[in-house]
Amino acid sequence: MEKEGYFLLIPFFLNAVTAIFLFLRGKRAYQRINKAFAMWVICVCFWDLQFITETVNGSDDLLKFLFRFSFLGEWIAPSVFLYFVYCFTHEKLNKRKYFLLILPPIVFVTLIVADMSGFKVIISTLRYSAYGCGGRSVVFVIHTFLAWLVYFVIYSLWGAGLLIAHLWRTTIAIRMRSMRNLILQSNFLLAVAGVLIFILGLTFDIVAPIFGVRIFQFSSITTLIMIALMGWLLYRVERE
């Protein structure tokens, strides 16, 4: 493993510990929110795993297995993120929304399984990464990657839009004094900012390699910001 991989282990383990902590704790009223957020953090761990895999020295077969394993979590992350937002904002989930949440993960997990079975539908080949002579990164089948990228952008914007709309509604409610908000507005604002910063960092990490740019992952830093701020918010919500 290249030295960058050891640095990437830090956010991986911190995210894993945070996910386990939130999954196992929480008052009954907030268990659904905590578990939804923990599921999303676990998906982020799979993202970290892909970045770590790019620093590993190993055979092509081993690296392809590790990459495919990481895809099982990261390629369903947009739907899990959107599910968490629905739980957090208490938006109602009807059958149509459930269908839209479940369909993309089913499609992409099926493609990953097909790729594991020998069909080149996700991984085209491997190439040497920028981390050293042994590390390698994935060259995706372009149409599959573009389909996933569209899914990632749409669902991320969808979730971010719901968060911002919820923030706007609660801000108006506080100004009008027509209802009480159980969440401190400053904490909520910081948490939403953390989520948006993470999405921007992750988007850069996804798009940059397309243009031949590869530097240390921004999302490994922005994920820590997001986890800290959102975890703090969930902790404060329960104590209110």
C-alpha atoms as a PDB file:
ATOM      1  CA  MET A   1       0.000   0.000   0.000  1.00  0.00           C
ATOM      2  CA  GLU A   2       1.267   3.477  -0.866  1.00  0.00           C
ATOM      3  CA  LYS A   3       1.634   6.034   1.935  1.00  0.00           C
ATOM      4  CA  GLU A   4      -1.519   7.890   0.823  1.00  0.00           C
ATOM      5  CA  GLY A   5      -3.494   4.731   1.572  1.00  0.00           C
ATOM      6  CA  TYR A   6      -2.519   4.859   5.230  1.00  0.00           C
ATOM      7  CA  PHE A   7      -3.792   8.442   5.463  1.00  0.00           C
ATOM      8  CA  LEU A   8      -7.062   7.347   3.855  1.00  0.00           C
ATOM      9  CA  LEU A   9      -7.471   4.684   6.538  1.00  0.00           C
ATOM     10  CA  ILE A  10      -8.084   7.496   9.051  1.00  0.00           C
ATOM     11  CA  PRO A  11     -11.428   8.717   7.597  1.00  0.00           C
ATOM     12  CA  PHE A  12     -12.378   5.104   6.841  1.00  0.00           C
ATOM     13  CA  PHE A  13     -12.105   4.006  10.475  1.00  0.00           C
ATOM     14  CA  LEU A  14     -13.571   7.247  11.864  1.00  0.00           C
ATOM     15  CA  ASN A  15     -16.579   6.922   9.586  1.00  0.00           C
ATOM     16  CA  ALA A  16     -17.013   3.244  10.477  1.00  0.00           C
ATOM     17  CA  VAL A  17     -16.900   3.966  14.213  1.00  0.00           C
ATOM     18  CA  THR A  18     -19.353   6.868  13.804  1.00  0.00           C
ATOM     19  CA  ALA A  19     -21.774   4.697  11.824  1.00  0.00           C
ATOM     20  CA  ILE A  20     -21.705   1.922  14.425  1.00  0.00           C
ATOM     21  CA  PHE A  21     -22.132   4.437  17.256  1.00  0.00           C
ATOM     22  CA  LEU A  22     -25.158   6.110  15.658  1.00  0.00           C
ATOM     23  CA  PHE A  23     -26.696   2.809  14.577  1.00  0.00           C
ATOM     24  CA  LEU A  24     -26.682   1.432  18.117  1.00  0.00           C
ATOM     25  CA  ARG A  25     -27.815   4.483  20.042  1.00  0.00           C
ATOM     26  CA  GLY A  26     -30.629   6.999  20.036  1.00  0.00           C
ATOM     27  CA  LYS A  27     -33.973   7.600  21.602  1.00  0.00           C
ATOM     28  CA  ARG A  28     -36.835   5.730  20.024  1.00  0.00           C
ATOM     29  CA  ALA A  29     -38.117   8.834  18.234  1.00  0.00           C
ATOM     30  CA  TYR A  30     -34.757   9.350  16.528  1.00  0.00           C
ATOM     31  CA  GLN A  31     -33.640   5.768  15.871  1.00  0.00           C
ATOM     32  CA  ARG A  32     -34.929   5.848  12.299  1.00  0.00           C
ATOM     33  CA  ILE A  33     -32.960   9.026  11.550  1.00  0.00           C
ATOM     34  CA  ASN A  34     -29.808   7.754  13.248  1.00  0.00           C
ATOM     35  CA  LYS A  35     -29.932   4.421  11.431  1.00  0.00           C
ATOM     36  CA  ALA A  36     -30.590   6.079   8.065  1.00  0.00           C
ATOM     37  CA  PHE A  37     -27.618   8.388   8.588  1.00  0.00           C
ATOM     38  CA  ALA A  38     -25.476   5.441   9.753  1.00  0.00           C
ATOM     39  CA  MET A  39     -26.373   3.562   6.553  1.00  0.00           C
ATOM     40  CA  TRP A  40     -25.241   6.530   4.481  1.00  0.00           C
ATOM     41  CA  VAL A  41     -21.985   6.794   6.437  1.00  0.00           C
ATOM     42  CA  ILE A  42     -21.375   3.087   5.771  1.00  0.00           C
ATOM     43  CA  CYS A  43     -21.787   3.804   2.056  1.00  0.00           C
ATOM     44  CA  VAL A  44     -19.213   6.578   2.446  1.00  0.00           C
ATOM     45  CA  CYS A  45     -16.892   3.970   4.005  1.00  0.00           C
ATOM     46  CA  PHE A  46     -17.193   1.949   0.802  1.00  0.00           C
ATOM     47  CA  TRP A  47     -16.176   5.079  -1.087  1.00  0.00           C
ATOM     48  CA  ASP A  48     -13.118   5.385   1.140  1.00  0.00           C
ATOM     49  CA  LEU A  49     -12.395   1.729   0.412  1.00  0.00           C
ATOM     50  CA  GLN A  50     -12.206   2.412  -3.323  1.00  0.00           C
ATOM     51  CA  PHE A  51      -9.739   5.248  -2.761  1.00  0.00           C
ATOM     52  CA  ILE A  52      -7.667   2.992  -0.481  1.00  0.00           C
ATOM     53  CA  THR A  53      -7.744   0.215  -3.093  1.00  0.00           C
ATOM     54  CA  GLU A  54      -6.170   2.608  -5.594  1.00  0.00           C
ATOM     55  CA  THR A  55      -3.058   2.677  -3.395  1.00  0.00           C
ATOM     56  CA  VAL A  56      -2.764  -1.107  -2.978  1.00  0.00           C
ATOM     57  CA  ASN A  57      -0.105  -3.183  -4.702  1.00  0.00           C
ATOM     58  CA  GLY A  58      -1.682  -6.417  -5.891  1.00  0.00           C
ATOM     59  CA  SER A  59      -2.759  -8.583  -8.776  1.00  0.00           C
ATOM     60  CA  ASP A  60      -5.374  -7.367 -11.210  1.00  0.00           C
ATOM     61  CA  ASP A  61      -7.840 -10.026 -10.041  1.00  0.00           C
ATOM     62  CA  LEU A  62      -7.486  -8.969  -6.391  1.00  0.00           C
ATOM     63  CA  LEU A  63      -7.852  -5.286  -7.202  1.00  0.00           C
ATOM     64  CA  LYS A  64     -10.887  -5.865  -9.406  1.00  0.00           C
ATOM     65  CA  PHE A  65     -12.528  -7.811  -6.580  1.00  0.00           C
ATOM     66  CA  LEU A  66     -11.832  -4.993  -4.102  1.00  0.00           C
ATOM     67  CA  PHE A  67     -13.123  -2.368  -6.526  1.00  0.00           C
ATOM     68  CA  ARG A  68     -16.309  -4.323  -7.204  1.00  0.00           C
ATOM     69  CA  PHE A  69     -16.817  -4.849  -3.483  1.00  0.00           C
ATOM     70  CA  SER A  70     -16.523  -1.099  -2.870  1.00  0.00           C
ATOM     71  CA  PHE A  71     -19.049  -0.418  -5.651  1.00  0.00           C
ATOM     72  CA  LEU A  72     -21.660  -2.448  -3.754  1.00  0.00           C
ATOM     73  CA  GLY A  73     -21.819   0.365  -1.194  1.00  0.00           C
ATOM     74  CA  GLU A  74     -20.865   3.483  -3.067  1.00  0.00           C
ATOM     75  CA  TRP A  75     -23.064   2.971  -6.120  1.00  0.00           C
ATOM     76  CA  ILE A  76     -26.191   2.850  -3.956  1.00  0.00           C
ATOM     77  CA  ALA A  77     -25.081   5.821  -1.823  1.00  0.00           C
ATOM     78  CA  PRO A  78     -27.243   8.442  -3.638  1.00  0.00           C
ATOM     79  CA  SER A  79     -30.444   6.534  -2.809  1.00  0.00           C
ATOM     80  CA  VAL A  80     -29.350   5.978   0.789  1.00  0.00           C
ATOM     81  CA  PHE A  81     -28.528   9.681   1.093  1.00  0.00           C
ATOM     82  CA  LEU A  82     -31.944  10.629  -0.248  1.00  0.00           C
ATOM     83  CA  TYR A  83     -33.611   8.170   2.138  1.00  0.00           C
ATOM     84  CA  PHE A  84     -31.764   9.764   5.053  1.00  0.00           C
ATOM     85  CA  VAL A  85     -32.911  13.227   3.950  1.00  0.00           C
ATOM     86  CA  TYR A  86     -36.520  12.035   3.808  1.00  0.00           C
ATOM     87  CA  CYS A  87     -36.196  10.619   7.320  1.00  0.00           C
ATOM     88  CA  PHE A  88     -34.466  13.705   8.641  1.00  0.00           C
ATOM     89  CA  THR A  89     -36.924  16.207   7.174  1.00  0.00           C
ATOM     90  CA  HIS A  90     -39.952  13.984   7.964  1.00  0.00           C
ATOM     91  CA  GLU A  91     -41.073  14.065   4.351  1.00  0.00           C
ATOM     92  CA  LYS A  92     -43.667  11.434   3.501  1.00  0.00           C
ATOM     93  CA  LEU A  93     -42.548   8.495   1.378  1.00  0.00           C
ATOM     94  CA  ASN A  94     -45.271   7.231  -0.924  1.00  0.00           C
ATOM     95  CA  LYS A  95     -45.037   4.191  -3.203  1.00  0.00           C
ATOM     96  CA  ARG A  96     -43.675   6.235  -6.110  1.00  0.00           C
ATOM     97  CA  LYS A  97     -40.854   7.675  -4.003  1.00  0.00           C
ATOM     98  CA  TYR A  98     -40.016   4.256  -2.586  1.00  0.00           C
ATOM     99  CA  PHE A  99     -39.843   2.908  -6.125  1.00  0.00           C
ATOM    100  CA  LEU A 100     -37.492   5.716  -7.180  1.00  0.00           C
ATOM    101  CA  LEU A 101     -35.308   5.043  -4.141  1.00  0.00           C
ATOM    102  CA  ILE A 102     -35.080   1.285  -4.688  1.00  0.00           C
ATOM    103  CA  LEU A 103     -34.878   0.991  -8.487  1.00  0.00           C
ATOM    104  CA  PRO A 104     -31.381   2.447  -9.097  1.00  0.00           C
ATOM    105  CA  PRO A 105     -29.699   0.306  -6.396  1.00  0.00           C
ATOM    106  CA  ILE A 106     -31.334  -2.823  -7.833  1.00  0.00           C
ATOM    107  CA  VAL A 107     -30.113  -1.938 -11.333  1.00  0.00           C
ATOM    108  CA  PHE A 108     -26.544  -1.086 -10.335  1.00  0.00           C
ATOM    109  CA  VAL A 109     -26.119  -4.017  -7.916  1.00  0.00           C
ATOM    110  CA  THR A 110     -27.305  -6.297 -10.737  1.00  0.00           C
ATOM    111  CA  LEU A 111     -24.675  -4.764 -13.029  1.00  0.00           C
ATOM    112  CA  ILE A 112     -21.980  -5.243 -10.379  1.00  0.00           C
ATOM    113  CA  VAL A 113     -22.922  -8.903  -9.966  1.00  0.00           C
ATOM    114  CA  ALA A 114     -22.870  -9.294 -13.759  1.00  0.00           C
ATOM    115  CA  ASP A 115     -19.415  -7.711 -13.846  1.00  0.00           C
ATOM    116  CA  MET A 116     -18.252 -10.151 -11.166  1.00  0.00           C
ATOM    117  CA  SER A 117     -19.549 -12.971 -13.351  1.00  0.00           C
ATOM    118  CA  GLY A 118     -17.281 -11.993 -16.224  1.00  0.00           C
ATOM    119  CA  PHE A 119     -19.388  -9.527 -18.183  1.00  0.00           C
ATOM    120  CA  LYS A 120     -17.526  -6.253 -18.705  1.00  0.00           C
ATOM    121  CA  VAL A 121     -20.377  -3.897 -17.881  1.00  0.00           C
ATOM    122  CA  ILE A 122     -18.648  -1.740 -15.244  1.00  0.00           C
ATOM    123  CA  ILE A 123     -14.857  -2.244 -15.200  1.00  0.00           C
ATOM    124  CA  SER A 124     -13.221  -1.958 -18.596  1.00  0.00           C
ATOM    125  CA  THR A 125      -9.645  -2.317 -17.374  1.00  0.00           C
ATOM    126  CA  LEU A 126      -7.194  -1.046 -14.762  1.00  0.00           C
ATOM    127  CA  ARG A 127      -4.568   1.638 -15.143  1.00  0.00           C
ATOM    128  CA  TYR A 128      -1.733   2.853 -12.973  1.00  0.00           C
ATOM    129  CA  SER A 129      -2.847   5.518 -10.537  1.00  0.00           C
ATOM    130  CA  ALA A 130      -0.991   8.630  -9.487  1.00  0.00           C
ATOM    131  CA  TYR A 131      -0.071   7.169  -6.103  1.00  0.00           C
ATOM    132  CA  GLY A 132       2.933   5.108  -7.128  1.00  0.00           C
ATOM    133  CA  CYS A 133       4.233   2.337  -9.317  1.00  0.00           C
ATOM    134  CA  GLY A 134       2.015  -0.317  -7.707  1.00  0.00           C
ATOM    135  CA  GLY A 135      -1.309   1.467  -7.258  1.00  0.00           C
ATOM    136  CA  ARG A 136      -3.975   1.160  -9.924  1.00  0.00           C
ATOM    137  CA  SER A 137      -7.331   2.761 -10.578  1.00  0.00           C
ATOM    138  CA  VAL A 138     -10.427   1.751 -12.497  1.00  0.00           C
ATOM    139  CA  VAL A 139     -11.224   2.492 -16.105  1.00  0.00           C
ATOM    140  CA  PHE A 140     -15.021   2.294 -16.271  1.00  0.00           C
ATOM    141  CA  VAL A 141     -17.230   1.221 -19.137  1.00  0.00           C
ATOM    142  CA  ILE A 142     -18.188   4.722 -20.201  1.00  0.00           C
ATOM    143  CA  HIS A 143     -21.940   4.369 -20.734  1.00  0.00           C
ATOM    144  CA  THR A 144     -22.425   2.587 -17.384  1.00  0.00           C
ATOM    145  CA  PHE A 145     -20.374   5.217 -15.566  1.00  0.00           C
ATOM    146  CA  LEU A 146     -22.277   8.064 -17.229  1.00  0.00           C
ATOM    147  CA  ALA A 147     -25.592   6.458 -16.249  1.00  0.00           C
ATOM    148  CA  TRP A 148     -24.411   6.233 -12.643  1.00  0.00           C
ATOM    149  CA  LEU A 149     -23.038   9.785 -12.737  1.00  0.00           C
ATOM    150  CA  VAL A 150     -26.415  11.134 -13.878  1.00  0.00           C
ATOM    151  CA  TYR A 151     -28.054   9.171 -11.061  1.00  0.00           C
ATOM    152  CA  PHE A 152     -25.526  10.551  -8.557  1.00  0.00           C
ATOM    153  CA  VAL A 153     -26.044  14.165  -9.668  1.00  0.00           C
ATOM    154  CA  ILE A 154     -29.853  14.008  -9.774  1.00  0.00           C
ATOM    155  CA  TYR A 155     -30.270  12.272  -6.410  1.00  0.00           C
ATOM    156  CA  SER A 156     -27.640  14.439  -4.712  1.00  0.00           C
ATOM    157  CA  LEU A 157     -29.328  17.608  -5.953  1.00  0.00           C
ATOM    158  CA  TRP A 158     -32.702  16.166  -4.989  1.00  0.00           C
ATOM    159  CA  GLY A 159     -31.550  15.473  -1.438  1.00  0.00           C
ATOM    160  CA  ALA A 160     -29.709  18.783  -1.111  1.00  0.00           C
ATOM    161  CA  GLY A 161     -32.795  20.595  -2.368  1.00  0.00           C
ATOM    162  CA  LEU A 162     -34.964  18.920   0.263  1.00  0.00           C
ATOM    163  CA  LEU A 163     -32.478  19.900   2.984  1.00  0.00           C
ATOM    164  CA  ILE A 164     -32.336  23.516   1.830  1.00  0.00           C
ATOM    165  CA  ALA A 165     -36.129  23.688   1.515  1.00  0.00           C
ATOM    166  CA  HIS A 166     -36.477  22.303   5.041  1.00  0.00           C
ATOM    167  CA  LEU A 167     -33.992  24.858   6.300  1.00  0.00           C
ATOM    168  CA  TRP A 168     -35.942  27.637   4.612  1.00  0.00           C
ATOM    169  CA  ARG A 169     -39.248  26.452   6.073  1.00  0.00           C
ATOM    170  CA  THR A 170     -37.906  26.194   9.603  1.00  0.00           C
ATOM    171  CA  THR A 171     -36.244  29.601   9.327  1.00  0.00           C
ATOM    172  CA  ILE A 172     -39.542  31.196   8.304  1.00  0.00           C
ATOM    173  CA  ALA A 173     -41.311  29.362  11.122  1.00  0.00           C
ATOM    174  CA  ILE A 174     -38.898  30.763  13.663  1.00  0.00           C
ATOM    175  CA  ARG A 175     -39.211  34.300  12.320  1.00  0.00           C
ATOM    176  CA  MET A 176     -42.981  34.101  12.316  1.00  0.00           C
ATOM    177  CA  ARG A 177     -42.975  32.449  15.774  1.00  0.00           C
ATOM    178  CA  SER A 178     -45.851  30.300  14.532  1.00  0.00           C
ATOM    179  CA  MET A 179     -44.298  27.043  15.684  1.00  0.00           C
ATOM    180  CA  ARG A 180     -41.412  25.744  17.744  1.00  0.00           C
ATOM    181  CA  ASN A 181     -38.357  24.253  16.150  1.00  0.00           C
ATOM    182  CA  LEU A 182     -36.792  21.472  18.230  1.00  0.00           C
ATOM    183  CA  ILE A 183     -33.466  21.821  16.437  1.00  0.00           C
ATOM    184  CA  LEU A 184     -31.163  24.745  17.065  1.00  0.00           C
ATOM    185  CA  GLN A 185     -31.091  26.609  13.783  1.00  0.00           C
ATOM    186  CA  SER A 186     -27.371  27.350  13.895  1.00  0.00           C
ATOM    187  CA  ASN A 187     -26.548  23.667  14.359  1.00  0.00           C
ATOM    188  CA  PHE A 188     -28.893  22.680  11.545  1.00  0.00           C
ATOM    189  CA  LEU A 189     -27.345  25.256   9.221  1.00  0.00           C
ATOM    190  CA  LEU A 190     -23.853  23.939   9.946  1.00  0.00           C
ATOM    191  CA  ALA A 191     -24.985  20.357   9.348  1.00  0.00           C
ATOM    192  CA  VAL A 192     -26.548  21.206   5.981  1.00  0.00           C
ATOM    193  CA  ALA A 193     -23.396  23.105   5.035  1.00  0.00           C
ATOM    194  CA  GLY A 194     -21.348  20.028   5.975  1.00  0.00           C
ATOM    195  CA  VAL A 195     -23.469  17.801   3.721  1.00  0.00           C
ATOM    196  CA  LEU A 196     -23.166  20.201   0.790  1.00  0.00           C
ATOM    197  CA  ILE A 197     -19.396  20.540   1.295  1.00  0.00           C
ATOM    198  CA  PHE A 198     -19.078  16.751   1.303  1.00  0.00           C
ATOM    199  CA  ILE A 199     -21.107  16.434  -1.914  1.00  0.00           C
ATOM    200  CA  LEU A 200     -18.928  19.069  -3.605  1.00  0.00           C
ATOM    201  CA  GLY A 201     -15.741  17.312  -2.507  1.00  0.00           C
ATOM    202  CA  LEU A 202     -17.024  13.940  -3.648  1.00  0.00           C
ATOM    203  CA  THR A 203     -18.161  15.373  -6.981  1.00  0.00           C
ATOM    204  CA  PHE A 204     -14.677  16.769  -7.560  1.00  0.00           C
ATOM    205  CA  ASP A 205     -13.122  13.367  -6.779  1.00  0.00           C
ATOM    206  CA  ILE A 206     -15.475  11.696  -9.271  1.00  0.00           C
ATOM    207  CA  VAL A 207     -15.126  14.232 -12.086  1.00  0.00           C
ATOM    208  CA  ALA A 208     -11.407  15.104 -11.785  1.00  0.00           C
ATOM    209  CA  PRO A 209     -10.071  11.731 -13.068  1.00  0.00           C
ATOM    210  CA  ILE A 210     -12.173  12.125 -16.207  1.00  0.00           C
ATOM    211  CA  PHE A 211      -9.956  15.081 -17.125  1.00  0.00           C
ATOM    212  CA  GLY A 212      -6.760  13.297 -16.096  1.00  0.00           C
ATOM    213  CA  VAL A 213      -6.452  15.112 -12.754  1.00  0.00           C
ATOM    214  CA  ARG A 214      -5.665  13.019  -9.686  1.00  0.00           C
ATOM    215  CA  ILE A 215      -4.737  14.508  -6.347  1.00  0.00           C
ATOM    216  CA  PHE A 216      -5.347  13.503  -2.749  1.00  0.00           C
ATOM    217  CA  GLN A 217      -9.121  13.063  -2.353  1.00  0.00           C
ATOM    218  CA  PHE A 218     -10.961  16.137  -1.150  1.00  0.00           C
ATOM    219  CA  SER A 219     -13.839  13.937   0.006  1.00  0.00           C
ATOM    220  CA  SER A 220     -11.598  12.200   2.556  1.00  0.00           C
ATOM    221  CA  ILE A 221     -11.454  15.585   4.312  1.00  0.00           C
ATOM    222  CA  THR A 222     -14.954  16.872   3.576  1.00  0.00           C
ATOM    223  CA  THR A 223     -16.481  13.598   4.777  1.00  0.00           C
ATOM    224  CA  LEU A 224     -14.966  14.205   8.219  1.00  0.00           C
ATOM    225  CA  ILE A 225     -16.468  17.713   8.244  1.00  0.00           C
ATOM    226  CA  MET A 226     -19.876  16.357   7.238  1.00  0.00           C
ATOM    227  CA  ILE A 227     -19.831  13.467   9.721  1.00  0.00           C
ATOM    228  CA  ALA A 228     -18.758  15.734  12.582  1.00  0.00           C
ATOM    229  CA  LEU A 229     -21.379  18.430  11.931  1.00  0.00           C
ATOM    230  CA  MET A 230     -24.255  16.059  11.165  1.00  0.00           C
ATOM    231  CA  GLY A 231     -23.366  13.761  14.050  1.00  0.00           C
ATOM    232  CA  TRP A 232     -23.284  16.769  16.380  1.00  0.00           C
ATOM    233  CA  LEU A 233     -26.691  17.854  15.127  1.00  0.00           C
ATOM    234  CA  LEU A 234     -28.240  14.423  15.706  1.00  0.00           C
ATOM    235  CA  TYR A 235     -26.712  14.393  19.184  1.00  0.00           C
ATOM    236  CA  ARG A 236     -28.152  17.836  19.987  1.00  0.00           C
ATOM    237  CA  VAL A 237     -31.576  16.915  18.591  1.00  0.00           C
ATOM    238  CA  GLU A 238     -31.889  14.081  21.078  1.00  0.00           C
ATOM    239  CA  ARG A 239     -30.914  16.295  24.009  1.00  0.00           C
ATOM    240  CA  GLU A 240     -33.426  19.032  23.190  1.00  0.00           C
END
